[in-house]
Amino acid sequence: MFVIGDCATCHVSPGAENVLLLANGRAVTPNQDDQLLLGGGRVLETEFGAFHMPNISPHPEDGIGAWSLAEFTRAMREGVGPDGLLPDGRNLYPAFPYTSYQRMTANDVRDMFAYIQTLEPVASDIPDHDLKFPYNIRRGVGVWRLAFLDGQPIEYSPSTEAAAALSVEPDVLERGHYLVEGPGHCAECHSPRTFMGTIPQDMRYAGGANPEGTGYFPNITPDETGIGFWSANSIANYLRTGISPINKVAGGDMADVVHNTAQISDADRFAMGAYMKTVPAIDKPAPGMPEPNLTPEIVMLPPSATQVPELPTSGAGEIEAAETVYVAHTKTFFIDKAAVGTADGDGKLLGATELAVVDREDGRLKVRLDGWQMPEAERVFYAEQGHRILQAILGDASIEQVSRQESMVDPDTQQEWARSSLEVWIDDKDMSTELSALWDYSADLYNASCGTCHALPVKDHYLANQWIGNLNSMRRFTSLGDDQYRLLLAYLQNHSKDVTSRDPGAVE
């Protein structure tokens, strides 16, 4: 309950940033990295003013170490904390999502309290909230609570029709409903607010503005303008990996959430995904998002931005020490060392191509490409005899530099193939020293891009040459960039039915 309740996201002491946050460009204060030090201190800037997240560690003075279970339960259920001066307690601002936590069972609230009491006490001096008038008057929060808080569990009886449509048992939907509406408090971010700060029920989960003033929480209803095309499994996978069906990575506050939901059970993640497929679909595009096309006409939207995908590459030191490197981004090569970086080049090296490092000089590498060629296709290097796994495309000058052995006839295709090699110069950027890193990345691409619509075939379901047409026919339904597509195709071909992977440590 502590993890799915996302408690650490707000109440962790500054500096405890997780890997997902780092990957998405969040700033880090390197004073500590423990997600269980709940000394507070994060500042939530909103249109109402600044909320300073309090200390909820079991520190007896600065945290909640002196609270009783009854006081903790009242805070979770009623939004009232203990106050040394006022016998009726202190009204808590609904930036603390007790409007959702009120739906939690007494046992879960008790267990959460017991768990927090086992954590390390943290001493901290957190300032009061700095809010504008009249929001700085806590008594007004008491009136708000009386008007909009009922403290009752939500009655929910999942329909057998909804369960049957998802091929799940009703108790799966019931569990998902509890996690989403209660401890998960998903509606608190993914819904718009009225001027009173409440969620209009007819717009629940339809998306809303980030209270911090930057960004927008998306519509997560099963509408076309939301996540209607996501399956329950896709939602569950997103809660585990942070990667959407169209290969977008969770960022900002959602990266925090995924860091937590990745720790819950597969069954609970699936239950949440299944329940979200049953909430009312609401037509509400995000700002800048076009309305869905409901006509028979095919409309191709222009790209709103051109982004170079961030592929797994190795650092300069690793490349400097490596005897073998692998292409990540498509790389231009040169026959003349002096021409590196100054001309159009003599050909292209494609994703996942293995290169032996022969020489180094001033940020340039002389590398040897080993592969196979066909006499009638001298502009192309292939990774395997008999399989069209592209490694490189050659220009006129580079064709003349290829060293070829005697041709042989492939017994399966009855075509001539010759083992060949070529030495060229490249710059030392955008490469990996670990083929397994490229395969891991490509495996995630496969799951994210293809799993949206398909029950994924195992990668060795097809022959290497079959993957070319199969993947190309579906590319227009994805958002893959050229380099991502090349890596994905190389991954599938190198793990196909008739090819043995060149890397024994590759993803299985």
Protein backbone atom coordinates (compact mmCIF):
# COMPACT_ATOMS: atom_id res chain seq x y z
CA MET A 1 0.00 0.00 0.00
CA PHE A 2 2.89 2.36 0.74
CA VAL A 3 4.36 1.80 -2.71
CA ILE A 4 1.15 2.03 -4.71
CA GLY A 5 0.10 5.02 -2.62
CA ASP A 6 3.12 6.85 -4.06
CA CYS A 7 4.02 8.21 -0.62
CA ALA A 8 7.75 8.59 -1.25
CA THR A 9 7.24 10.65 -4.40
CA CYS A 10 6.09 13.64 -2.37
CA HIS A 11 7.56 13.00 1.06
CA VAL A 12 11.07 11.71 0.31
CA SER A 13 13.95 13.87 1.47
CA PRO A 14 15.47 15.86 -1.43
CA GLY A 15 17.98 13.97 -3.51
CA ALA A 16 16.31 10.57 -3.65
CA GLU A 17 15.76 10.53 -7.40
CA ASN A 18 15.29 7.21 -9.19
CA VAL A 19 16.71 5.86 -12.44
CA LEU A 20 13.57 6.64 -14.46
CA LEU A 21 13.79 10.27 -13.38
CA LEU A 22 17.43 10.48 -14.40
CA ALA A 23 16.61 9.04 -17.81
CA ASN A 24 14.04 11.74 -18.33
CA GLY A 25 16.27 14.69 -17.54
CA ARG A 26 15.19 15.46 -13.97
CA ALA A 27 17.65 17.43 -11.87
CA VAL A 28 19.29 15.58 -8.99
CA THR A 29 20.42 16.89 -5.62
CA PRO A 30 23.14 14.39 -4.72
CA ASN A 31 22.81 14.62 -0.93
CA GLN A 32 21.09 11.25 -0.51
CA ASP A 33 19.51 8.53 -2.60
CA ASP A 34 17.31 6.56 -0.19
CA GLN A 35 13.64 6.51 -1.23
CA LEU A 36 12.65 5.53 2.32
CA LEU A 37 13.98 8.63 4.07
CA LEU A 38 10.69 10.48 4.37
CA GLY A 39 11.92 13.78 5.75
CA GLY A 40 9.89 15.85 3.29
CA GLY A 41 11.06 19.10 1.76
CA ARG A 42 9.82 18.89 -1.82
CA VAL A 43 8.01 22.05 -2.92
CA LEU A 44 4.87 21.81 -5.04
CA GLU A 45 4.36 25.12 -6.87
CA THR A 46 0.71 25.69 -7.81
CA GLU A 47 -1.61 28.55 -8.70
CA PHE A 48 -2.69 28.56 -5.03
CA GLY A 49 0.88 29.03 -3.81
CA ALA A 50 3.70 26.75 -2.66
CA PHE A 51 3.02 23.54 -0.76
CA HIS A 52 5.98 22.26 1.28
CA MET A 53 5.77 18.49 1.59
CA PRO A 54 5.87 17.52 5.29
CA ASN A 55 8.01 15.01 7.11
CA ILE A 56 6.15 11.69 7.50
CA SER A 57 9.07 9.69 8.85
CA PRO A 58 8.65 8.17 12.34
CA HIS A 59 10.62 11.03 13.89
CA PRO A 60 8.83 11.85 17.19
CA GLU A 61 9.08 15.64 16.86
CA ASP A 62 9.51 16.45 13.16
CA GLY A 63 7.56 13.53 11.67
CA ILE A 64 4.63 11.34 12.65
CA GLY A 65 6.47 9.15 15.15
CA ALA A 66 4.28 10.40 17.99
CA TRP A 67 1.00 9.88 16.12
CA SER A 68 -1.38 7.15 17.13
CA LEU A 69 -3.03 4.81 14.64
CA ALA A 70 -6.29 6.67 15.22
CA GLU A 71 -4.65 9.99 14.35
CA PHE A 72 -3.04 8.54 11.22
CA THR A 73 -6.35 7.01 10.16
CA ARG A 74 -8.15 10.31 10.66
CA ALA A 75 -5.59 12.09 8.49
CA MET A 76 -5.95 9.45 5.75
CA ARG A 77 -9.73 9.23 5.90
CA GLU A 78 -10.85 12.71 6.97
CA GLY A 79 -7.98 15.04 6.10
CA VAL A 80 -7.42 16.12 9.70
CA GLY A 81 -4.09 15.82 11.48
CA PRO A 82 -3.32 16.19 15.19
CA ASP A 83 -2.71 19.70 16.51
CA GLY A 84 -1.15 20.53 19.85
CA LEU A 85 -3.25 23.68 20.19
CA LEU A 86 -6.63 22.79 18.76
CA PRO A 87 -8.42 19.77 20.25
CA ASP A 88 -10.39 19.18 17.05
CA GLY A 89 -7.19 18.83 15.00
CA ARG A 90 -5.64 20.62 12.06
CA ASN A 91 -7.25 20.67 8.61
CA LEU A 92 -4.97 19.22 5.94
CA TYR A 93 -4.90 20.62 2.42
CA PRO A 94 -6.18 18.25 -0.29
CA ALA A 95 -2.81 18.41 -2.06
CA PHE A 96 -2.55 15.37 0.23
CA PRO A 97 -4.93 13.05 -1.68
CA TYR A 98 -7.09 11.95 1.23
CA THR A 99 -10.09 12.33 -1.08
CA SER A 100 -8.88 9.02 -2.56
CA TYR A 101 -7.21 7.53 0.51
CA GLN A 102 -10.57 7.72 2.32
CA ARG A 103 -11.58 4.71 0.18
CA MET A 104 -8.85 2.48 1.66
CA THR A 105 -9.78 -0.33 4.01
CA ALA A 106 -9.03 -0.04 7.72
CA ASN A 107 -6.61 -2.96 7.49
CA ASP A 108 -4.63 -1.35 4.67
CA VAL A 109 -4.43 1.98 6.50
CA ARG A 110 -3.25 0.16 9.63
CA ASP A 111 -0.63 -1.80 7.68
CA MET A 112 0.66 1.35 5.97
CA PHE A 113 1.00 3.08 9.34
CA ALA A 114 2.82 0.08 10.81
CA TYR A 115 5.22 -0.01 7.86
CA ILE A 116 6.06 3.70 8.04
CA GLN A 117 6.83 3.30 11.75
CA THR A 118 9.57 0.78 10.85
CA LEU A 119 11.46 3.28 8.68
CA GLU A 120 14.34 5.46 9.76
CA PRO A 121 13.35 8.66 11.62
CA VAL A 122 14.51 11.78 9.80
CA ALA A 123 15.00 15.14 11.49
CA SER A 124 14.00 18.05 9.25
CA ASP A 125 12.70 21.58 9.58
CA ILE A 126 9.99 21.97 6.94
CA PRO A 127 8.45 25.45 6.57
CA ASP A 128 4.71 26.02 6.49
CA HIS A 129 2.92 26.21 3.17
CA ASP A 130 3.24 29.59 1.49
CA LEU A 131 -0.24 30.08 0.02
CA LYS A 132 -2.13 33.04 -1.35
CA PHE A 133 -5.15 34.53 0.38
CA PRO A 134 -7.73 33.11 1.01
CA TYR A 135 -6.22 29.64 0.53
CA ASN A 136 -3.93 30.19 3.51
CA ILE A 137 -6.92 30.04 5.88
CA ARG A 138 -7.10 26.43 7.05
CA ARG A 139 -10.59 26.86 8.47
CA GLY A 140 -11.79 27.21 4.90
CA VAL A 141 -10.38 23.75 4.20
CA GLY A 142 -12.62 22.45 6.97
CA VAL A 143 -15.67 23.83 5.18
CA TRP A 144 -14.43 22.24 1.94
CA ARG A 145 -14.04 18.89 3.67
CA LEU A 146 -17.56 19.02 5.07
CA ALA A 147 -18.92 19.74 1.60
CA PHE A 148 -16.93 17.25 -0.47
CA LEU A 149 -15.61 14.48 1.79
CA ASP A 150 -17.78 11.56 2.86
CA GLY A 151 -15.26 9.06 4.22
CA GLN A 152 -17.21 6.14 2.81
CA PRO A 153 -15.95 3.26 0.69
CA ILE A 154 -17.21 3.29 -2.89
CA GLU A 155 -19.81 0.67 -3.64
CA TYR A 156 -18.66 -1.25 -6.69
CA SER A 157 -20.10 -4.34 -8.29
CA PRO A 158 -18.36 -5.13 -11.57
CA SER A 159 -20.71 -6.27 -14.29
CA THR A 160 -20.35 -9.79 -15.60
CA GLU A 161 -20.55 -8.33 -19.12
CA ALA A 162 -17.52 -6.09 -18.54
CA ALA A 163 -15.57 -8.97 -17.04
CA ALA A 164 -16.51 -11.28 -19.90
CA ALA A 165 -15.49 -8.67 -22.50
CA LEU A 166 -12.02 -8.59 -20.95
CA SER A 167 -11.93 -12.34 -20.33
CA VAL A 168 -11.33 -11.80 -16.61
CA GLU A 169 -13.12 -12.74 -13.42
CA PRO A 170 -15.20 -10.02 -11.72
CA ASP A 171 -12.92 -10.07 -8.67
CA VAL A 172 -10.04 -8.88 -10.91
CA LEU A 173 -12.04 -5.75 -11.78
CA GLU A 174 -12.98 -5.32 -8.14
CA ARG A 175 -9.32 -5.41 -7.13
CA GLY A 176 -8.37 -2.99 -9.89
CA HIS A 177 -11.16 -0.62 -8.86
CA TYR A 178 -9.91 -0.57 -5.29
CA LEU A 179 -6.28 0.06 -6.25
CA VAL A 180 -7.06 2.76 -8.83
CA GLU A 181 -9.73 4.65 -6.89
CA GLY A 182 -8.16 4.23 -3.46
CA PRO A 183 -4.43 4.00 -2.75
CA GLY A 184 -3.39 4.58 -6.36
CA HIS A 185 -5.40 7.88 -6.44
CA CYS A 186 -5.08 8.00 -10.25
CA ALA A 187 -8.01 10.39 -10.67
CA GLU A 188 -6.31 13.07 -8.58
CA CYS A 189 -3.92 13.92 -11.41
CA HIS A 190 -5.72 12.61 -14.49
CA SER A 191 -8.91 14.64 -14.04
CA PRO A 192 -9.82 18.31 -14.47
CA ARG A 193 -10.86 20.40 -11.46
CA THR A 194 -13.72 22.77 -10.81
CA PHE A 195 -13.11 26.23 -9.38
CA MET A 196 -13.66 24.63 -5.96
CA GLY A 197 -10.90 22.13 -6.58
CA THR A 198 -13.17 19.10 -6.94
CA ILE A 199 -13.31 16.55 -9.75
CA PRO A 200 -16.45 16.69 -11.93
CA GLN A 201 -17.70 13.11 -12.06
CA ASP A 202 -18.60 13.29 -15.76
CA MET A 203 -14.96 14.16 -16.55
CA ARG A 204 -13.23 11.71 -14.24
CA TYR A 205 -9.96 10.46 -15.80
CA ALA A 206 -10.40 12.78 -18.83
CA GLY A 207 -7.07 14.52 -18.19
CA GLY A 208 -6.25 17.89 -16.76
CA ALA A 209 -3.66 20.60 -16.33
CA ASN A 210 -0.65 19.96 -14.13
CA PRO A 211 -1.21 22.00 -10.95
CA GLU A 212 2.46 23.00 -11.07
CA GLY A 213 1.67 24.94 -14.24
CA THR A 214 3.77 22.98 -16.74
CA GLY A 215 2.47 20.13 -18.83
CA TYR A 216 -0.79 18.26 -18.96
CA PHE A 217 -1.94 14.99 -17.43
CA PRO A 218 -3.47 12.97 -20.29
CA ASN A 219 -6.90 11.47 -20.75
CA ILE A 220 -6.70 7.85 -19.57
CA THR A 221 -10.27 6.80 -20.33
CA PRO A 222 -10.86 4.10 -22.99
CA ASP A 223 -11.74 6.72 -25.61
CA GLU A 224 -9.82 7.32 -28.85
CA THR A 225 -8.63 10.60 -27.38
CA GLY A 226 -7.40 8.71 -24.33
CA ILE A 227 -5.93 5.24 -24.16
CA GLY A 228 -8.71 3.39 -25.93
CA PHE A 229 -6.28 1.51 -28.15
CA TRP A 230 -4.29 0.23 -25.17
CA SER A 231 -5.09 -3.28 -24.00
CA ALA A 232 -5.25 -4.15 -20.32
CA ASN A 233 -1.89 -5.87 -20.78
CA SER A 234 -0.45 -2.72 -22.38
CA ILE A 235 -1.52 -0.67 -19.36
CA ALA A 236 0.00 -3.25 -17.03
CA ASN A 237 3.23 -3.23 -19.03
CA TYR A 238 3.36 0.58 -18.89
CA LEU A 239 2.99 0.46 -15.11
CA ARG A 240 5.95 -1.93 -15.03
CA THR A 241 8.31 -0.41 -17.61
CA GLY A 242 7.14 3.16 -18.19
CA ILE A 243 7.04 2.47 -21.94
CA SER A 244 3.76 3.11 -23.74
CA PRO A 245 2.45 1.06 -26.69
CA ILE A 246 3.80 3.75 -29.03
CA ASN A 247 7.19 3.63 -27.33
CA LYS A 248 6.97 6.87 -25.38
CA VAL A 249 8.73 6.77 -22.03
CA ALA A 250 7.07 7.99 -18.84
CA GLY A 251 8.47 11.31 -17.72
CA GLY A 252 8.00 13.85 -14.97
CA ASP A 253 5.61 12.85 -12.20
CA MET A 254 4.57 9.69 -14.05
CA ALA A 255 8.15 8.43 -13.90
CA ASP A 256 7.80 8.59 -10.10
CA VAL A 257 4.58 6.62 -10.29
CA VAL A 258 6.07 3.93 -12.54
CA HIS A 259 9.04 3.60 -10.19
CA ASN A 260 6.48 2.54 -7.58
CA THR A 261 4.03 0.50 -9.65
CA ALA A 262 6.96 -1.49 -11.03
CA GLN A 263 7.31 -2.90 -7.52
CA ILE A 264 3.78 -4.26 -7.14
CA SER A 265 2.66 -7.67 -8.36
CA ASP A 266 1.88 -8.50 -11.98
CA ALA A 267 -1.64 -9.45 -10.89
CA ASP A 268 -2.26 -6.04 -9.32
CA ARG A 269 -0.89 -4.17 -12.33
CA PHE A 270 -3.13 -6.20 -14.64
CA ALA A 271 -6.12 -5.62 -12.36
CA MET A 272 -5.55 -1.86 -12.59
CA GLY A 273 -5.26 -2.07 -16.37
CA ALA A 274 -8.41 -4.17 -16.67
CA TYR A 275 -10.41 -1.78 -14.49
CA MET A 276 -9.30 1.24 -16.52
CA LYS A 277 -10.76 -0.44 -19.61
CA THR A 278 -14.19 -0.31 -17.92
CA VAL A 279 -14.40 3.36 -16.88
CA PRO A 280 -16.63 5.60 -19.04
CA ALA A 281 -14.93 6.72 -22.27
CA ILE A 282 -14.71 10.51 -22.52
CA ASP A 283 -13.96 12.41 -25.74
CA LYS A 284 -11.45 15.01 -24.56
CA PRO A 285 -8.27 15.49 -26.62
CA ALA A 286 -5.24 16.92 -24.89
CA PRO A 287 -4.22 20.47 -25.89
CA GLY A 288 -2.77 20.38 -29.40
CA MET A 289 -4.06 16.89 -30.10
CA PRO A 290 -6.31 16.53 -33.17
CA GLU A 291 -9.80 15.08 -32.94
CA PRO A 292 -9.96 11.44 -34.05
CA ASN A 293 -10.75 10.86 -37.70
CA LEU A 294 -14.06 8.96 -37.81
CA THR A 295 -14.48 9.18 -41.59
CA PRO A 296 -13.54 6.54 -44.22
CA GLU A 297 -10.83 8.89 -45.51
CA ILE A 298 -7.22 8.12 -44.58
CA VAL A 299 -5.54 11.22 -43.16
CA MET A 300 -1.80 11.23 -42.51
CA LEU A 301 -0.77 13.89 -40.02
CA PRO A 302 2.58 15.63 -40.50
CA PRO A 303 5.08 15.04 -37.70
CA SER A 304 4.84 17.75 -35.06
CA ALA A 305 8.55 17.51 -34.29
CA THR A 306 11.66 15.75 -35.50
CA GLN A 307 13.48 13.94 -32.73
CA VAL A 308 16.59 11.81 -32.93
CA PRO A 309 15.93 8.73 -30.77
CA GLU A 310 18.30 8.18 -27.88
CA LEU A 311 19.84 4.78 -28.58
CA PRO A 312 22.06 2.82 -26.18
CA THR A 313 25.63 3.96 -26.85
CA SER A 314 28.87 3.58 -24.91
CA GLY A 315 31.02 6.31 -23.45
CA ALA A 316 34.21 7.59 -25.01
CA GLY A 317 36.37 5.67 -22.55
CA GLU A 318 34.66 2.37 -23.27
CA ILE A 319 34.98 2.85 -27.03
CA GLU A 320 38.63 3.86 -26.64
CA ALA A 321 39.40 0.56 -24.90
CA ALA A 322 37.24 -1.72 -27.06
CA GLU A 323 38.54 -4.14 -29.67
CA THR A 324 35.03 -4.63 -31.08
CA VAL A 325 32.26 -2.05 -31.45
CA TYR A 326 28.68 -2.21 -32.71
CA VAL A 327 26.81 0.41 -34.73
CA ALA A 328 23.87 2.08 -32.97
CA HIS A 329 22.94 5.07 -35.14
CA THR A 330 23.47 4.55 -38.89
CA LYS A 331 27.07 5.61 -39.48
CA THR A 332 28.82 7.09 -42.53
CA PHE A 333 32.20 5.53 -43.36
CA PHE A 334 35.18 6.76 -45.39
CA ILE A 335 37.97 5.13 -47.33
CA ASP A 336 40.23 8.16 -46.78
CA LYS A 337 41.06 8.85 -43.14
CA ALA A 338 41.38 12.59 -43.77
CA ALA A 339 37.82 12.77 -45.11
CA VAL A 340 36.14 11.61 -41.89
CA GLY A 341 33.53 14.16 -40.92
CA THR A 342 34.18 16.41 -43.91
CA ALA A 343 32.44 14.72 -46.86
CA ASP A 344 29.39 12.69 -47.79
CA GLY A 345 31.26 9.46 -47.25
CA ASP A 346 31.76 6.25 -49.17
CA GLY A 347 28.91 4.25 -47.68
CA LYS A 348 26.75 3.55 -44.63
CA LEU A 349 27.08 1.09 -41.74
CA LEU A 350 23.72 -0.06 -40.39
CA GLY A 351 22.43 -0.77 -36.89
CA ALA A 352 23.92 -3.67 -34.88
CA THR A 353 26.76 -4.20 -37.38
CA GLU A 354 29.84 -5.66 -35.69
CA LEU A 355 33.17 -3.94 -36.39
CA ALA A 356 36.69 -4.99 -35.43
CA VAL A 357 38.85 -2.01 -34.40
CA VAL A 358 42.10 -2.03 -36.39
CA ASP A 359 43.56 1.42 -35.60
CA ARG A 360 42.79 4.68 -33.77
CA GLU A 361 43.79 8.26 -34.45
CA ASP A 362 42.41 11.60 -33.16
CA GLY A 363 38.80 10.57 -32.58
CA ARG A 364 38.75 8.35 -35.67
CA LEU A 365 38.65 4.57 -35.85
CA LYS A 366 39.86 2.29 -38.59
CA VAL A 367 37.52 -0.69 -38.50
CA ARG A 368 37.14 -3.95 -40.36
CA LEU A 369 33.73 -5.14 -41.50
CA ASP A 370 33.46 -8.90 -42.01
CA GLY A 371 30.44 -10.32 -43.79
CA TRP A 372 29.09 -11.84 -46.97
CA GLN A 373 28.39 -10.57 -50.47
CA MET A 374 26.61 -11.87 -53.56
CA PRO A 375 28.36 -11.33 -56.93
CA GLU A 376 25.31 -9.59 -58.38
CA ALA A 377 24.88 -7.32 -55.33
CA GLU A 378 28.29 -5.81 -54.66
CA ARG A 379 26.88 -2.67 -53.04
CA VAL A 380 25.57 -4.64 -50.07
CA PHE A 381 27.20 -6.45 -47.14
CA TYR A 382 25.21 -9.14 -45.34
CA ALA A 383 25.86 -10.60 -41.89
CA GLU A 384 25.10 -14.22 -42.75
CA GLN A 385 25.39 -16.42 -45.81
CA GLY A 386 21.94 -17.05 -47.24
CA HIS A 387 20.25 -14.44 -45.04
CA ARG A 388 19.57 -10.84 -46.03
CA ILE A 389 20.65 -9.27 -42.75
CA LEU A 390 22.04 -5.96 -44.01
CA GLN A 391 25.26 -4.65 -42.52
CA ALA A 392 26.38 -1.94 -44.92
CA ILE A 393 25.61 -0.10 -48.15
CA LEU A 394 28.68 0.64 -50.29
CA GLY A 395 29.50 3.48 -52.66
CA ASP A 396 31.59 3.16 -55.83
CA ALA A 397 34.94 3.82 -54.16
CA SER A 398 34.37 1.34 -51.36
CA ILE A 399 33.28 -1.48 -53.71
CA GLU A 400 36.79 -1.46 -55.16
CA GLN A 401 38.34 -1.87 -51.68
CA VAL A 402 36.45 -5.04 -50.72
CA SER A 403 38.53 -8.17 -50.15
CA ARG A 404 36.58 -11.24 -51.31
CA GLN A 405 37.28 -14.93 -50.91
CA GLU A 406 36.25 -17.60 -53.39
CA SER A 407 32.50 -17.84 -53.97
CA MET A 408 30.44 -20.77 -52.71
CA VAL A 409 26.91 -21.93 -53.44
CA ASP A 410 24.50 -21.80 -50.52
CA PRO A 411 22.77 -25.21 -50.31
CA ASP A 412 19.42 -23.74 -49.22
CA THR A 413 19.09 -20.89 -51.73
CA GLN A 414 21.35 -22.17 -54.54
CA GLN A 415 22.82 -18.66 -54.72
CA GLU A 416 26.49 -17.69 -54.85
CA TRP A 417 27.95 -16.06 -51.75
CA ALA A 418 31.48 -14.89 -50.97
CA ARG A 419 32.97 -14.20 -47.55
CA SER A 420 34.16 -10.58 -47.72
CA SER A 421 35.82 -7.89 -45.63
CA LEU A 422 36.33 -4.15 -45.88
CA GLU A 423 38.49 -1.74 -43.87
CA VAL A 424 37.18 1.82 -43.52
CA TRP A 425 37.48 4.89 -41.30
CA ILE A 426 34.69 6.24 -39.08
CA ASP A 427 34.35 8.68 -36.20
CA ASP A 428 34.22 7.22 -32.69
CA LYS A 429 30.70 8.43 -31.80
CA ASP A 430 27.27 6.77 -31.50
CA MET A 431 28.40 3.17 -31.03
CA SER A 432 28.08 0.51 -28.36
CA THR A 433 30.66 -1.88 -27.01
CA GLU A 434 27.91 -4.27 -25.84
CA LEU A 435 25.73 -5.99 -28.41
CA SER A 436 23.46 -7.17 -25.59
CA ALA A 437 22.60 -3.53 -24.81
CA LEU A 438 21.36 -3.05 -28.38
CA TRP A 439 19.36 -6.28 -28.18
CA ASP A 440 17.77 -5.29 -24.85
CA TYR A 441 16.74 -1.94 -26.32
CA SER A 442 15.37 -3.63 -29.44
CA ALA A 443 13.42 -6.17 -27.38
CA ASP A 444 11.70 -3.28 -25.58
CA LEU A 445 10.95 -1.66 -28.96
CA TYR A 446 9.38 -4.89 -30.16
CA ASN A 447 7.16 -5.21 -27.11
CA ALA A 448 6.13 -1.56 -27.16
CA SER A 449 5.62 -1.07 -30.89
CA CYS A 450 4.11 -4.38 -31.93
CA GLY A 451 2.33 -5.42 -28.74
CA THR A 452 -0.20 -2.59 -29.09
CA CYS A 453 -2.22 -4.55 -31.62
CA HIS A 454 -0.75 -8.04 -31.74
CA ALA A 455 -0.23 -10.98 -29.48
CA LEU A 456 3.51 -10.99 -30.04
CA PRO A 457 4.99 -13.98 -31.87
CA VAL A 458 8.23 -15.23 -30.41
CA LYS A 459 11.10 -13.71 -32.35
CA ASP A 460 12.15 -17.08 -33.80
CA HIS A 461 8.66 -17.62 -35.24
CA TYR A 462 9.80 -16.43 -38.69
CA LEU A 463 12.83 -16.94 -40.89
CA ALA A 464 15.35 -14.09 -41.12
CA ASN A 465 14.28 -13.13 -44.64
CA GLN A 466 10.57 -13.25 -43.73
CA TRP A 467 11.04 -10.59 -41.06
CA ILE A 468 11.98 -8.01 -43.73
CA GLY A 469 8.56 -7.91 -45.39
CA ASN A 470 6.59 -8.53 -42.21
CA LEU A 471 8.14 -5.66 -40.30
CA ASN A 472 8.18 -3.26 -43.26
CA SER A 473 4.47 -3.78 -43.90
CA MET A 474 3.66 -2.69 -40.35
CA ARG A 475 6.14 0.16 -40.01
CA ARG A 476 3.67 2.88 -40.99
CA PHE A 477 1.58 2.00 -37.95
CA THR A 478 4.46 2.81 -35.59
CA SER A 479 6.41 5.91 -34.60
CA LEU A 480 9.80 4.27 -35.11
CA GLY A 481 12.63 6.39 -36.44
CA ASP A 482 14.93 5.03 -39.16
CA ASP A 483 17.66 3.97 -36.74
CA GLN A 484 15.16 2.36 -34.37
CA TYR A 485 13.62 0.44 -37.26
CA ARG A 486 17.02 -0.78 -38.43
CA LEU A 487 17.95 -1.99 -34.94
CA LEU A 488 14.62 -3.72 -34.47
CA LEU A 489 14.89 -5.51 -37.81
CA ALA A 490 18.46 -6.59 -37.04
CA TYR A 491 17.35 -7.90 -33.64
CA LEU A 492 14.50 -9.94 -35.09
CA GLN A 493 16.60 -11.31 -37.94
CA ASN A 494 19.52 -12.25 -35.71
CA HIS A 495 17.14 -14.11 -33.39
CA SER A 496 15.04 -15.70 -36.12
CA LYS A 497 14.30 -19.37 -36.64
CA ASP A 498 17.17 -20.02 -39.03
CA VAL A 499 19.89 -17.80 -37.51
CA THR A 500 21.90 -18.40 -34.36
CA SER A 501 22.57 -15.23 -32.36
CA ARG A 502 26.15 -13.99 -32.53
CA ASP A 503 25.94 -12.97 -28.84
CA PRO A 504 25.39 -15.74 -26.29
CA GLY A 505 24.38 -13.09 -23.75
CA ALA A 506 21.59 -11.69 -25.90
CA VAL A 507 18.03 -11.35 -24.68
CA GLU A 508 16.10 -14.58 -24.91
